[in-house]
Amino acid sequence: MLAFQGGTNAFMACPYDGTSYYPVGERVLVMYFEPPQTVYVEAMPEFLKHDE
């Protein structure tokens, strides 16, 4: 789920490198958006992580 165009939308997330695996609910970094509903993601870098 991503904040997108003033709302929250569901996107199909694929690993940017084509081989990684990310469990459901893990925070990731969107690297590329492919219309209409696909994003390519990679692991969240440590410097962007914060305690919730």
PDB file of N, CA and C in Angstrom:
ATOM      1  N   MET A   1       0.856  -1.171   0.000  1.00  0.00           N
ATOM      2  CA  MET A   1       0.000   0.000   0.000  1.00  0.00           C
ATOM      3  C   MET A   1       0.901   1.233   0.000  1.00  0.00           C
ATOM      4  N   LEU A   2       0.570   2.178  -0.853  1.00  0.00           N
ATOM      5  CA  LEU A   2       1.353   3.405  -0.975  1.00  0.00           C
ATOM      6  C   LEU A   2       0.446   4.618  -1.014  1.00  0.00           C
ATOM      7  N   ALA A   3       0.924   5.688  -0.405  1.00  0.00           N
ATOM      8  CA  ALA A   3       0.252   6.973  -0.586  1.00  0.00           C
ATOM      9  C   ALA A   3       0.534   7.401  -2.023  1.00  0.00           C
ATOM     10  N   PHE A   4      -0.530   7.690  -2.789  1.00  0.00           N
ATOM     11  CA  PHE A   4      -0.361   7.992  -4.211  1.00  0.00           C
ATOM     12  C   PHE A   4      -1.493   8.875  -4.683  1.00  0.00           C
ATOM     13  N   GLN A   5      -1.178   9.990  -5.269  1.00  0.00           N
ATOM     14  CA  GLN A   5      -2.136  10.929  -5.844  1.00  0.00           C
ATOM     15  C   GLN A   5      -3.254  11.292  -4.874  1.00  0.00           C
ATOM     16  N   GLY A   6      -2.882  11.633  -3.649  1.00  0.00           N
ATOM     17  CA  GLY A   6      -3.842  12.090  -2.662  1.00  0.00           C
ATOM     18  C   GLY A   6      -4.637  11.002  -1.967  1.00  0.00           C
ATOM     19  N   GLY A   7      -4.295   9.738  -2.185  1.00  0.00           N
ATOM     20  CA  GLY A   7      -5.007   8.638  -1.543  1.00  0.00           C
ATOM     21  C   GLY A   7      -4.036   7.515  -1.217  1.00  0.00           C
ATOM     22  N   THR A   8      -4.563   6.338  -0.968  1.00  0.00           N
ATOM     23  CA  THR A   8      -3.742   5.152  -0.711  1.00  0.00           C
ATOM     24  C   THR A   8      -4.157   4.086  -1.709  1.00  0.00           C
ATOM     25  N   ASN A   9      -3.187   3.561  -2.437  1.00  0.00           N
ATOM     26  CA  ASN A   9      -3.462   2.558  -3.460  1.00  0.00           C
ATOM     27  C   ASN A   9      -2.657   1.294  -3.203  1.00  0.00           C
ATOM     28  N   ALA A  10      -3.158   0.169  -3.696  1.00  0.00           N
ATOM     29  CA  ALA A  10      -2.439  -1.101  -3.638  1.00  0.00           C
ATOM     30  C   ALA A  10      -1.674  -1.278  -4.945  1.00  0.00           C
ATOM     31  N   PHE A  11      -0.416  -1.698  -4.831  1.00  0.00           N
ATOM     32  CA  PHE A  11       0.427  -1.926  -5.993  1.00  0.00           C
ATOM     33  C   PHE A  11       1.009  -3.327  -5.929  1.00  0.00           C
ATOM     34  N   MET A  12       1.293  -3.904  -7.076  1.00  0.00           N
ATOM     35  CA  MET A  12       2.026  -5.161  -7.153  1.00  0.00           C
ATOM     36  C   MET A  12       3.497  -4.797  -6.991  1.00  0.00           C
ATOM     37  N   ALA A  13       4.167  -5.354  -5.975  1.00  0.00           N
ATOM     38  CA  ALA A  13       5.575  -5.051  -5.720  1.00  0.00           C
ATOM     39  C   ALA A  13       6.448  -6.205  -6.185  1.00  0.00           C
ATOM     40  N   CYS A  14       7.436  -5.891  -6.995  1.00  0.00           N
ATOM     41  CA  CYS A  14       8.390  -6.878  -7.508  1.00  0.00           C
ATOM     42  C   CYS A  14       9.789  -6.469  -7.058  1.00  0.00           C
ATOM     43  N   PRO A  15      10.667  -7.441  -6.799  1.00  0.00           N
ATOM     44  CA  PRO A  15      12.031  -7.087  -6.396  1.00  0.00           C
ATOM     45  C   PRO A  15      12.775  -6.419  -7.553  1.00  0.00           C
ATOM     46  N   TYR A  16      13.435  -5.331  -7.263  1.00  0.00           N
ATOM     47  CA  TYR A  16      14.166  -4.566  -8.271  1.00  0.00           C
ATOM     48  C   TYR A  16      15.271  -5.398  -8.904  1.00  0.00           C
ATOM     49  N   ASP A  17      15.923  -6.246  -8.094  1.00  0.00           N
ATOM     50  CA  ASP A  17      17.012  -7.078  -8.625  1.00  0.00           C
ATOM     51  C   ASP A  17      16.513  -8.384  -9.236  1.00  0.00           C
ATOM     52  N   GLY A  18      15.213  -8.646  -9.143  1.00  0.00           N
ATOM     53  CA  GLY A  18      14.624  -9.830  -9.743  1.00  0.00           C
ATOM     54  C   GLY A  18      14.753 -11.111  -8.944  1.00  0.00           C
ATOM     55  N   THR A  19      15.471 -11.089  -7.809  1.00  0.00           N
ATOM     56  CA  THR A  19      15.685 -12.324  -7.058  1.00  0.00           C
ATOM     57  C   THR A  19      15.396 -12.225  -5.567  1.00  0.00           C
ATOM     58  N   SER A  20      15.398 -11.045  -4.996  1.00  0.00           N
ATOM     59  CA  SER A  20      15.217 -10.878  -3.552  1.00  0.00           C
ATOM     60  C   SER A  20      13.795 -11.224  -3.137  1.00  0.00           C
ATOM     61  N   TYR A  21      13.642 -11.474  -1.831  1.00  0.00           N
ATOM     62  CA  TYR A  21      12.337 -11.779  -1.257  1.00  0.00           C
ATOM     63  C   TYR A  21      12.118 -10.869  -0.064  1.00  0.00           C
ATOM     64  N   TYR A  22      10.942 -10.253   0.019  1.00  0.00           N
ATOM     65  CA  TYR A  22      10.588  -9.385   1.142  1.00  0.00           C
ATOM     66  C   TYR A  22       9.263  -9.870   1.712  1.00  0.00           C
ATOM     67  N   PRO A  23       9.218 -10.177   3.007  1.00  0.00           N
ATOM     68  CA  PRO A  23       7.967 -10.645   3.616  1.00  0.00           C
ATOM     69  C   PRO A  23       6.879  -9.573   3.560  1.00  0.00           C
ATOM     70  N   VAL A  24       5.642 -10.011   3.544  1.00  0.00           N
ATOM     71  CA  VAL A  24       4.508  -9.091   3.571  1.00  0.00           C
ATOM     72  C   VAL A  24       4.624  -8.211   4.804  1.00  0.00           C
ATOM     73  N   GLY A  25       4.449  -6.918   4.627  1.00  0.00           N
ATOM     74  CA  GLY A  25       4.503  -5.967   5.729  1.00  0.00           C
ATOM     75  C   GLY A  25       5.860  -5.332   5.941  1.00  0.00           C
ATOM     76  N   GLU A  26       6.902  -5.859   5.310  1.00  0.00           N
ATOM     77  CA  GLU A  26       8.234  -5.263   5.460  1.00  0.00           C
ATOM     78  C   GLU A  26       8.288  -3.943   4.695  1.00  0.00           C
ATOM     79  N   ARG A  27       8.901  -2.939   5.317  1.00  0.00           N
ATOM     80  CA  ARG A  27       9.057  -1.645   4.647  1.00  0.00           C
ATOM     81  C   ARG A  27      10.159  -1.757   3.603  1.00  0.00           C
ATOM     82  N   VAL A  28       9.870  -1.257   2.404  1.00  0.00           N
ATOM     83  CA  VAL A  28      10.817  -1.313   1.302  1.00  0.00           C
ATOM     84  C   VAL A  28      10.899   0.059   0.641  1.00  0.00           C
ATOM     85  N   LEU A  29      11.881   0.230  -0.201  1.00  0.00           N
ATOM     86  CA  LEU A  29      12.087   1.475  -0.932  1.00  0.00           C
ATOM     87  C   LEU A  29      11.662   1.261  -2.375  1.00  0.00           C
ATOM     88  N   VAL A  30      10.761   2.100  -2.871  1.00  0.00           N
ATOM     89  CA  VAL A  30      10.318   1.998  -4.260  1.00  0.00           C
ATOM     90  C   VAL A  30      11.406   2.600  -5.154  1.00  0.00           C
ATOM     91  N   MET A  31      11.879   1.797  -6.096  1.00  0.00           N
ATOM     92  CA  MET A  31      12.934   2.233  -7.012  1.00  0.00           C
ATOM     93  C   MET A  31      12.383   2.670  -8.365  1.00  0.00           C
ATOM     94  N   TYR A  32      11.268   2.064  -8.764  1.00  0.00           N
ATOM     95  CA  TYR A  32      10.745   2.315 -10.106  1.00  0.00           C
ATOM     96  C   TYR A  32       9.251   2.029 -10.119  1.00  0.00           C
ATOM     97  N   PHE A  33       8.487   2.863 -10.800  1.00  0.00           N
ATOM     98  CA  PHE A  33       7.045   2.688 -10.963  1.00  0.00           C
ATOM     99  C   PHE A  33       6.767   2.355 -12.424  1.00  0.00           C
ATOM    100  N   GLU A  34       6.034   1.274 -12.650  1.00  0.00           N
ATOM    101  CA  GLU A  34       5.638   0.885 -13.999  1.00  0.00           C
ATOM    102  C   GLU A  34       4.120   0.896 -14.074  1.00  0.00           C
ATOM    103  N   PRO A  35       3.546   1.839 -14.812  1.00  0.00           N
ATOM    104  CA  PRO A  35       2.088   1.903 -14.909  1.00  0.00           C
ATOM    105  C   PRO A  35       1.512   0.598 -15.448  1.00  0.00           C
ATOM    106  N   PRO A  36       0.302   0.203 -15.030  1.00  0.00           N
ATOM    107  CA  PRO A  36      -0.568   1.010 -14.192  1.00  0.00           C
ATOM    108  C   PRO A  36      -0.399   0.779 -12.686  1.00  0.00           C
ATOM    109  N   GLN A  37       0.010  -0.414 -12.207  1.00  0.00           N
ATOM    110  CA  GLN A  37      -0.010  -0.677 -10.763  1.00  0.00           C
ATOM    111  C   GLN A  37       1.170  -1.505 -10.279  1.00  0.00           C
ATOM    112  N   THR A  38       2.343  -1.386 -10.892  1.00  0.00           N
ATOM    113  CA  THR A  38       3.495  -2.183 -10.488  1.00  0.00           C
ATOM    114  C   THR A  38       4.615  -1.276  -9.995  1.00  0.00           C
ATOM    115  N   VAL A  39       5.213  -1.653  -8.867  1.00  0.00           N
ATOM    116  CA  VAL A  39       6.401  -0.952  -8.371  1.00  0.00           C
ATOM    117  C   VAL A  39       7.519  -1.973  -8.186  1.00  0.00           C
ATOM    118  N   TYR A  40       8.735  -1.538  -8.436  1.00  0.00           N
ATOM    119  CA  TYR A  40       9.919  -2.366  -8.207  1.00  0.00           C
ATOM    120  C   TYR A  40      10.601  -1.826  -6.963  1.00  0.00           C
ATOM    121  N   VAL A  41      10.919  -2.722  -6.028  1.00  0.00           N
ATOM    122  CA  VAL A  41      11.376  -2.311  -4.704  1.00  0.00           C
ATOM    123  C   VAL A  41      12.677  -2.996  -4.326  1.00  0.00           C
ATOM    124  N   GLU A  42      13.370  -2.393  -3.350  1.00  0.00           N
ATOM    125  CA  GLU A  42      14.528  -3.040  -2.734  1.00  0.00           C
ATOM    126  C   GLU A  42      14.490  -2.767  -1.244  1.00  0.00           C
ATOM    127  N   ALA A  43      15.371  -3.415  -0.504  1.00  0.00           N
ATOM    128  CA  ALA A  43      15.391  -3.296   0.958  1.00  0.00           C
ATOM    129  C   ALA A  43      15.570  -1.838   1.373  1.00  0.00           C
ATOM    130  N   MET A  44      14.900  -1.474   2.455  1.00  0.00           N
ATOM    131  CA  MET A  44      15.021  -0.120   2.987  1.00  0.00           C
ATOM    132  C   MET A  44      16.431   0.080   3.545  1.00  0.00           C
ATOM    133  N   PRO A  45      17.155   1.101   3.072  1.00  0.00           N
ATOM    134  CA  PRO A  45      18.496   1.347   3.613  1.00  0.00           C
ATOM    135  C   PRO A  45      18.434   1.714   5.098  1.00  0.00           C
ATOM    136  N   GLU A  46      19.459   1.341   5.833  1.00  0.00           N
ATOM    137  CA  GLU A  46      19.490   1.594   7.282  1.00  0.00           C
ATOM    138  C   GLU A  46      19.279   3.073   7.626  1.00  0.00           C
ATOM    139  N   PHE A  47      19.842   3.983   6.826  1.00  0.00           N
ATOM    140  CA  PHE A  47      19.755   5.397   7.179  1.00  0.00           C
ATOM    141  C   PHE A  47      18.336   5.950   7.005  1.00  0.00           C
ATOM    142  N   LEU A  48      17.452   5.216   6.345  1.00  0.00           N
ATOM    143  CA  LEU A  48      16.053   5.652   6.202  1.00  0.00           C
ATOM    144  C   LEU A  48      15.123   4.982   7.212  1.00  0.00           C
ATOM    145  N   LYS A  49      15.618   3.958   7.897  1.00  0.00           N
ATOM    146  CA  LYS A  49      14.803   3.277   8.900  1.00  0.00           C
ATOM    147  C   LYS A  49      14.706   4.142  10.146  1.00  0.00           C
ATOM    148  N   HIS A  50      13.569   4.065  10.811  1.00  0.00           N
ATOM    149  CA  HIS A  50      13.381   4.766  12.077  1.00  0.00           C
ATOM    150  C   HIS A  50      12.470   3.933  12.961  1.00  0.00           C
ATOM    151  N   ASP A  51      12.592   4.127  14.252  1.00  0.00           N
ATOM    152  CA  ASP A  51      11.733   3.413  15.210  1.00  0.00           C
ATOM    153  C   ASP A  51      10.334   3.969  15.128  1.00  0.00           C
ATOM    154  N   GLU A  52       9.366   3.073  15.157  1.00  0.00           N
ATOM    155  CA  GLU A  52       7.962   3.520  15.113  1.00  0.00           C
ATOM    156  C   GLU A  52       7.354   3.513  16.467  1.00  0.00           C
TER     157      GLU A  52
END
